[in-house]
């Protein structure tokens, strides 16, 4: 799959967060930092062209992305 198609397949609406949760050991989709055991994250999903949606997690405020809000 071409890179442009991959980027399009992983695109999602940032307003479509499902809920705030804890997901220790997962990786933040924005800053690529590992989520700590007591660190709250937003859970969302991205649609993938050939299959089911993939779950993604993001910090409400990413420490590794210069504090940018997700």
Protein backbone atom coordinates (compact mmCIF):
# COMPACT_ATOMS: atom_id res chain seq x y z
CA UNK A 1 0.00 0.00 0.00
CA UNK A 2 1.38 3.42 -0.91
CA UNK A 3 2.25 5.83 1.91
CA UNK A 4 -0.49 8.28 0.87
CA UNK A 5 -3.05 5.49 1.02
CA UNK A 6 -1.78 4.40 4.45
CA UNK A 7 -2.06 7.93 5.79
CA UNK A 8 -5.58 8.20 4.39
CA UNK A 9 -6.56 4.82 5.82
CA UNK A 10 -5.39 5.86 9.30
CA UNK A 11 -7.09 9.26 9.27
CA UNK A 12 -9.78 9.84 11.89
CA UNK A 13 -11.92 12.61 13.28
CA UNK A 14 -10.29 13.96 16.45
CA UNK A 15 -13.73 14.86 17.79
CA UNK A 16 -14.75 11.22 17.84
CA UNK A 17 -13.08 10.14 21.07
CA UNK A 18 -15.04 7.39 22.77
CA UNK A 19 -14.05 7.95 26.40
CA UNK A 20 -11.25 8.71 28.84
CA UNK A 21 -9.57 5.59 30.22
CA UNK A 22 -6.31 4.09 31.49
CA UNK A 23 -4.25 1.95 29.11
CA UNK A 24 -0.87 1.16 30.68
CA UNK A 25 1.68 -0.18 28.22
CA UNK A 26 -0.09 1.23 25.16
CA UNK A 27 1.54 3.92 22.99
CA UNK A 28 0.12 7.41 22.46
CA UNK A 29 -0.71 7.87 18.76
CA UNK A 30 0.41 11.52 18.82
CA UNK A 31 3.68 11.58 20.76
CA UNK A 32 4.62 7.87 20.56
CA UNK A 33 5.32 7.77 24.32
CA UNK A 34 4.31 4.74 26.35
CA UNK A 35 1.28 5.30 28.57
CA UNK A 36 2.01 4.96 32.28
CA UNK A 37 -0.08 2.91 34.74
CA UNK A 38 -1.99 5.86 36.24
CA UNK A 39 -1.93 8.12 33.18
CA UNK A 40 -5.35 8.95 31.68
CA UNK A 41 -5.71 8.71 27.89
CA UNK A 42 -8.48 9.21 25.37
CA UNK A 43 -9.59 6.11 23.47
CA UNK A 44 -10.61 6.35 19.83
CA UNK A 45 -10.56 4.23 16.72
CA UNK A 46 -9.33 4.59 13.17
CA UNK A 47 -10.89 2.92 10.19
CA UNK A 48 -8.71 0.67 8.12
CA UNK A 49 -9.55 0.01 4.51
CA UNK A 50 -9.34 -3.80 4.39
CA UNK A 51 -10.48 -4.67 7.91
CA UNK A 52 -11.91 -3.73 11.27
CA UNK A 53 -11.14 -0.47 13.03
CA UNK A 54 -7.99 -0.17 15.12
CA UNK A 55 -8.04 1.27 18.63
CA UNK A 56 -5.79 4.26 19.32
CA UNK A 57 -4.96 6.08 22.53
CA UNK A 58 -3.85 9.68 23.04
CA UNK A 59 -2.87 11.73 26.05
CA UNK A 60 -5.29 14.60 26.74
CA UNK A 61 -2.11 16.73 26.67
CA UNK A 62 0.86 15.00 25.03
CA UNK A 63 4.08 15.42 27.05
CA UNK A 64 6.25 14.28 24.12
CA UNK A 65 4.59 16.61 21.59
CA UNK A 66 5.43 19.87 23.33
CA UNK A 67 2.23 19.87 25.39
CA UNK A 68 -0.08 20.03 22.39
CA UNK A 69 -3.65 19.07 23.22
CA UNK A 70 -5.08 16.16 21.29
